[in-house]
Amino acid sequence: MNIFSVQDNPIPSMAIVAIAILGYLLFRFSRNKSGKIFTATPIINSFSKDITDLARKNQLDPVIGREKEIDHLIMVLSRRTKNNAVLIGDAGVGKTAIVEGLAHNVSQKNVPASLFGKRVLMLDLNALLAGTKYRGEFEERVRKLTDEISNSKRKIILFIDEIHNLIQAESSGESVSVGDIFKPAMARGELQIIGATTKEEYDQYFHTDLAFKRRMQPIFVKEPSKKDTFEILKGVKSKYEFFHNVRISEKVIKACIEQSEKMISGRSFPDKAIDLMDEASSKARMGCINNRPVAF
């Protein structure tokens, strides 16, 4: 007897039709407008930005001259144990750019197989801390975030800029140790973290939780030289030329490096030189009265 015959056996046939419809609905409504599957990470999505997705869409600036640090970071993340990293360097040296370089490599599968399909997410600390007025609210939010990442089948690398702020985050005026929440998931290999901080803040805050510190492999990021900064600005200037509708000469790049060294203290190359190039481009554009690119 043919069980697929509606006449001979109508009940299984109806069940098959229902299963087919259910399968279609699951396919249709588990995807967004671009056809990608929705991730089951609503909490982490609310408090983070997907850098790998930005890299895939070519929305990140190119990373110049940081191949050594990116390779070191990939090596640490590919370890079987203690596969978490903390980037240590002065403000403006390009710690975030190194993570963006990692995200670009991941999106292009230019990484070991163990990192294929990973999502590099930048945590928004301000959003995570917002509204946690009462004792326990912040800890509960971090626990839910950690549980969600743990259930993502090891597909998330969490980037925490200024990670010292999270270690010493305060709720109701009391210091909270986030390390105690993170450590079990890190020990099981379910949570991978990249932190970024300065040498001073690393020395000041990480000694308060030595077990957490041992799980984070330090990667020191030095300030680039003027020569390297020049190459970095040459590499990113096309983004600013397009945005401001200007043409930036090498003479202007050199002037931005020299003037930022004199005028901007407390910050490092290349960030302060890039900022000055951005500001100079904006001022040049303001003086233009037509839509033709301005050369300066």
Protein backbone atom coordinates (compact mmCIF):
# COMPACT_ATOMS: atom_id res chain seq x y z
CA MET A 1 0.00 0.00 0.00
CA ASN A 2 1.28 3.43 -0.89
CA ILE A 3 1.29 5.44 2.36
CA PHE A 4 1.61 8.68 0.40
CA SER A 5 -1.73 8.14 -1.28
CA VAL A 6 -4.34 10.60 -0.02
CA GLN A 7 -7.11 8.16 -0.86
CA ASP A 8 -5.60 5.09 0.86
CA ASN A 9 -4.11 6.79 3.90
CA PRO A 10 -5.26 10.41 4.36
CA ILE A 11 -3.91 11.05 7.88
CA PRO A 12 -0.18 10.56 7.12
CA SER A 13 -0.64 12.59 3.94
CA MET A 14 -2.09 15.49 5.90
CA ALA A 15 0.76 15.21 8.38
CA ILE A 16 3.31 15.41 5.57
CA VAL A 17 1.63 18.52 4.20
CA ALA A 18 1.60 20.10 7.69
CA ILE A 19 5.30 19.32 8.18
CA ALA A 20 6.11 20.85 4.80
CA ILE A 21 4.21 24.03 5.70
CA LEU A 22 5.89 24.19 9.10
CA GLY A 23 9.29 23.76 7.48
CA TYR A 24 8.59 26.63 5.10
CA LEU A 25 7.42 28.90 7.92
CA LEU A 26 10.52 28.11 9.97
CA PHE A 27 12.70 28.92 6.95
CA ARG A 28 10.76 32.11 6.15
CA PHE A 29 10.50 33.63 9.61
CA SER A 30 13.90 32.62 10.96
CA ARG A 31 15.55 34.94 8.45
CA ASN A 32 15.83 38.68 8.14
CA LYS A 33 15.20 40.76 5.01
CA SER A 34 18.64 39.93 3.60
CA GLY A 35 17.98 36.19 3.98
CA LYS A 36 20.39 35.67 6.86
CA ILE A 37 19.40 33.49 9.80
CA PHE A 38 18.45 35.39 12.94
CA THR A 39 20.90 34.73 15.77
CA ALA A 40 19.56 33.58 19.12
CA THR A 41 21.52 36.27 20.92
CA PRO A 42 19.12 39.17 21.58
CA ILE A 43 20.91 40.32 24.75
CA ILE A 44 24.42 40.44 23.32
CA ASN A 45 23.05 42.04 20.14
CA SER A 46 21.54 44.82 22.28
CA PHE A 47 24.86 45.60 23.95
CA SER A 48 27.37 45.09 21.13
CA LYS A 49 28.35 45.81 17.54
CA ASP A 50 29.24 43.03 15.10
CA ILE A 51 32.66 44.01 13.71
CA THR A 52 32.89 40.97 11.42
CA ASP A 53 29.65 42.02 9.75
CA LEU A 54 31.05 45.52 9.19
CA ALA A 55 34.22 43.99 7.75
CA ARG A 56 32.17 41.80 5.44
CA LYS A 57 30.34 44.90 4.20
CA ASN A 58 33.65 46.78 3.70
CA GLN A 59 32.61 49.43 6.24
CA LEU A 60 35.86 49.45 8.23
CA ASP A 61 38.96 51.51 7.55
CA PRO A 62 41.96 49.55 6.26
CA VAL A 63 44.46 48.45 8.92
CA ILE A 64 48.00 49.41 7.96
CA GLY A 65 51.23 48.23 9.56
CA ARG A 66 49.74 46.04 12.30
CA GLU A 67 50.24 42.62 10.71
CA LYS A 68 52.55 41.45 13.51
CA GLU A 69 50.05 42.31 16.26
CA ILE A 70 47.13 40.81 14.32
CA ASP A 71 49.06 37.57 13.79
CA HIS A 72 49.93 37.47 17.49
CA LEU A 73 46.27 37.98 18.39
CA ILE A 74 45.17 35.19 16.03
CA MET A 75 47.78 32.88 17.55
CA VAL A 76 46.48 33.53 21.07
CA LEU A 77 42.83 33.05 20.07
CA SER A 78 43.74 29.74 18.37
CA ARG A 79 45.21 28.25 21.55
CA ARG A 80 43.47 25.32 23.24
CA THR A 81 43.63 26.96 26.66
CA LYS A 82 44.11 30.53 27.91
CA ASN A 83 42.93 31.70 24.50
CA ASN A 84 41.95 35.21 25.60
CA ALA A 85 43.98 38.37 25.00
CA VAL A 86 44.36 41.87 26.35
CA LEU A 87 45.85 44.56 24.12
CA ILE A 88 47.97 46.95 26.17
CA GLY A 89 49.00 50.34 24.83
CA ASP A 90 48.57 54.09 25.11
CA ALA A 91 45.35 55.78 24.02
CA GLY A 92 45.25 56.24 20.27
CA VAL A 93 47.92 53.70 19.23
CA GLY A 94 45.39 51.59 17.34
CA LYS A 95 44.25 48.78 19.65
CA THR A 96 40.75 48.80 18.21
CA ALA A 97 42.18 48.83 14.68
CA ILE A 98 44.01 45.57 15.47
CA VAL A 99 40.70 43.94 16.44
CA GLU A 100 39.15 45.29 13.24
CA GLY A 101 42.04 43.70 11.34
CA LEU A 102 41.23 40.41 13.07
CA ALA A 103 37.57 40.77 12.09
CA HIS A 104 38.57 41.37 8.48
CA ASN A 105 40.71 38.21 8.48
CA VAL A 106 37.88 36.20 10.04
CA SER A 107 35.39 37.46 7.45
CA GLN A 108 37.81 36.42 4.69
CA LYS A 109 38.61 33.07 6.39
CA ASN A 110 42.24 34.13 6.51
CA VAL A 111 42.54 32.49 9.94
CA PRO A 112 42.99 28.97 11.33
CA ALA A 113 39.96 26.70 10.94
CA SER A 114 39.20 26.99 14.66
CA LEU A 115 38.23 30.64 14.07
CA PHE A 116 36.02 30.03 11.01
CA GLY A 117 32.54 31.44 11.45
CA LYS A 118 33.36 33.41 14.59
CA ARG A 119 31.60 36.72 15.27
CA VAL A 120 33.84 39.43 16.70
CA LEU A 121 31.55 41.64 18.77
CA MET A 122 32.49 44.96 20.38
CA LEU A 123 30.78 45.36 23.75
CA ASP A 124 29.10 48.71 24.44
CA LEU A 125 30.01 49.27 28.09
CA ASN A 126 27.90 52.39 28.43
CA ALA A 127 24.79 50.54 27.29
CA LEU A 128 25.61 47.59 29.56
CA LEU A 129 25.96 49.84 32.60
CA ALA A 130 23.01 52.10 31.80
CA GLY A 131 20.11 51.82 34.20
CA THR A 132 21.80 49.49 36.70
CA LYS A 133 20.97 51.59 39.75
CA TYR A 134 20.25 48.84 42.24
CA ARG A 135 22.56 46.23 43.70
CA GLY A 136 22.62 43.05 41.65
CA GLU A 137 21.15 44.51 38.44
CA PHE A 138 24.50 44.88 36.72
CA GLU A 139 25.68 41.41 37.81
CA GLU A 140 22.45 39.85 36.55
CA ARG A 141 22.81 41.59 33.20
CA VAL A 142 26.39 40.35 32.84
CA ARG A 143 25.33 36.80 33.81
CA LYS A 144 22.59 36.76 31.17
CA LEU A 145 25.03 38.08 28.57
CA THR A 146 27.60 35.43 29.55
CA ASP A 147 25.02 32.64 29.45
CA GLU A 148 23.88 33.72 26.01
CA ILE A 149 27.45 33.69 24.70
CA SER A 150 28.05 30.28 26.34
CA ASN A 151 25.02 28.91 24.48
CA SER A 152 26.22 30.26 21.12
CA LYS A 153 28.35 27.14 20.52
CA ARG A 154 31.66 29.00 20.79
CA LYS A 155 30.89 31.30 17.87
CA ILE A 156 31.49 34.64 19.62
CA ILE A 157 34.68 36.56 20.45
CA LEU A 158 33.84 39.47 22.73
CA PHE A 159 35.95 42.62 22.41
CA ILE A 160 35.87 44.87 25.48
CA ASP A 161 37.57 48.24 24.98
CA GLU A 162 38.77 49.84 28.23
CA ILE A 163 38.20 46.51 29.95
CA HIS A 164 39.44 47.93 33.27
CA ASN A 165 36.15 49.83 33.50
CA LEU A 166 34.26 46.55 33.42
CA ILE A 167 36.50 44.90 35.99
CA GLN A 168 35.91 47.77 38.39
CA ALA A 169 32.35 48.58 37.31
CA GLU A 170 30.22 49.94 40.08
CA SER A 171 26.64 49.24 40.96
CA SER A 172 25.03 51.17 43.85
CA GLY A 173 28.47 52.53 44.69
CA GLU A 174 30.02 49.10 45.29
CA SER A 175 32.79 47.50 43.26
CA VAL A 176 31.73 44.47 41.22
CA SER A 177 34.12 41.72 40.11
CA VAL A 178 33.00 40.71 36.65
CA GLY A 179 35.90 38.27 36.49
CA ASP A 180 34.07 35.89 38.81
CA ILE A 181 31.14 35.82 36.37
CA PHE A 182 33.33 35.39 33.30
CA LYS A 183 35.84 32.85 34.64
CA PRO A 184 33.69 29.66 34.62
CA ALA A 185 32.67 30.19 30.98
CA MET A 186 36.25 31.09 30.05
CA ALA A 187 37.53 27.92 31.77
CA ARG A 188 35.06 25.80 29.77
CA GLY A 189 36.15 27.48 26.54
CA GLU A 190 32.66 28.90 25.97
CA LEU A 191 33.69 32.55 26.29
CA GLN A 192 36.58 34.19 24.45
CA ILE A 193 37.53 37.75 25.31
CA ILE A 194 39.79 40.41 23.82
CA GLY A 195 40.34 43.32 26.17
CA ALA A 196 42.04 46.65 25.56
CA THR A 197 43.56 48.95 28.15
CA THR A 198 46.61 51.08 28.93
CA LYS A 199 49.70 49.87 30.79
CA GLU A 200 48.87 52.00 33.82
CA GLU A 201 45.31 50.74 34.08
CA TYR A 202 46.39 47.14 33.46
CA ASP A 203 48.82 47.36 36.37
CA GLN A 204 46.28 49.11 38.58
CA TYR A 205 43.20 46.94 38.07
CA PHE A 206 44.23 43.49 36.88
CA HIS A 207 46.21 42.70 40.03
CA THR A 208 42.92 42.67 41.97
CA ASP A 209 41.89 39.45 40.20
CA LEU A 210 44.96 37.35 39.49
CA ALA A 211 42.95 34.31 38.31
CA PHE A 212 41.28 36.46 35.65
CA LYS A 213 44.62 38.03 34.77
CA ARG A 214 46.18 34.59 34.18
CA ARG A 215 43.53 33.78 31.59
CA MET A 216 44.30 36.94 29.58
CA GLN A 217 47.44 36.84 27.42
CA PRO A 218 49.00 40.34 27.19
CA ILE A 219 49.83 41.76 23.76
CA PHE A 220 51.73 45.04 23.95
CA VAL A 221 50.93 47.61 21.25
CA LYS A 222 53.57 50.27 20.66
CA GLU A 223 53.00 53.72 19.22
CA PRO A 224 53.97 53.78 15.53
CA SER A 225 56.82 55.99 14.37
CA LYS A 226 56.23 59.09 12.26
CA LYS A 227 57.26 57.10 9.20
CA ASP A 228 54.77 54.34 9.97
CA THR A 229 52.09 56.92 10.81
CA PHE A 230 52.64 58.51 7.38
CA GLU A 231 51.99 55.12 5.72
CA ILE A 232 48.88 54.59 7.87
CA LEU A 233 47.45 57.98 6.88
CA LYS A 234 48.22 57.30 3.22
CA GLY A 235 46.33 54.02 3.58
CA VAL A 236 43.17 55.54 5.07
CA LYS A 237 43.10 58.94 3.32
CA SER A 238 40.85 57.69 0.50
CA LYS A 239 38.03 57.18 3.02
CA TYR A 240 38.32 60.81 4.12
CA GLU A 241 38.70 62.07 0.54
CA PHE A 242 35.46 60.33 -0.41
CA PHE A 243 33.59 61.49 2.70
CA HIS A 244 34.67 65.15 2.50
CA ASN A 245 34.95 65.28 -1.32
CA VAL A 246 38.52 66.55 -1.12
CA ARG A 247 41.93 65.48 -2.34
CA ILE A 248 44.58 65.10 0.37
CA SER A 249 48.18 65.53 -0.70
CA GLU A 250 51.20 63.93 0.93
CA LYS A 251 52.27 67.40 2.00
CA VAL A 252 49.07 67.73 4.03
CA ILE A 253 49.61 64.30 5.59
CA LYS A 254 53.09 65.31 6.73
CA ALA A 255 51.72 68.58 8.13
CA CYS A 256 49.03 66.71 10.05
CA ILE A 257 51.66 64.48 11.63
CA GLU A 258 53.94 67.37 12.58
CA GLN A 259 51.19 69.64 13.88
CA SER A 260 49.39 66.93 15.84
CA GLU A 261 52.65 66.10 17.60
CA LYS A 262 52.95 69.74 18.70
CA MET A 263 49.31 70.52 19.39
CA ILE A 264 47.75 67.32 20.83
CA SER A 265 49.02 65.90 24.10
CA GLY A 266 47.83 62.87 26.00
CA ARG A 267 47.16 60.91 22.81
CA SER A 268 49.33 58.89 20.47
CA PHE A 269 49.97 58.32 16.78
CA PRO A 270 48.22 57.48 14.55
CA ASP A 271 44.93 58.55 16.18
CA LYS A 272 45.79 62.20 16.76
CA ALA A 273 47.19 62.66 13.25
CA ILE A 274 44.09 61.03 11.72
CA ASP A 275 41.87 63.34 13.77
CA LEU A 276 43.74 66.40 12.51
CA MET A 277 43.50 65.19 8.91
CA ASP A 278 39.76 64.70 9.38
CA GLU A 279 39.34 68.19 10.84
CA ALA A 280 41.47 69.80 8.13
CA SER A 281 39.43 68.05 5.44
CA SER A 282 36.22 69.27 7.04
CA LYS A 283 37.46 72.88 7.10
CA ALA A 284 38.63 72.64 3.50
CA ARG A 285 35.23 71.34 2.47
CA MET A 286 33.45 74.17 4.29
CA GLY A 287 35.32 76.66 2.09
CA CYS A 288 34.09 75.01 -1.10
CA ILE A 289 31.07 76.55 -2.86
CA ASN A 290 30.56 73.85 -5.51
CA ASN A 291 30.60 70.05 -5.73
CA ARG A 292 34.08 69.71 -7.24
CA PRO A 293 36.71 67.97 -5.07
CA VAL A 294 38.97 70.39 -3.22
CA ALA A 295 42.72 69.83 -3.31
CA PHE A 296 44.68 71.11 -0.34
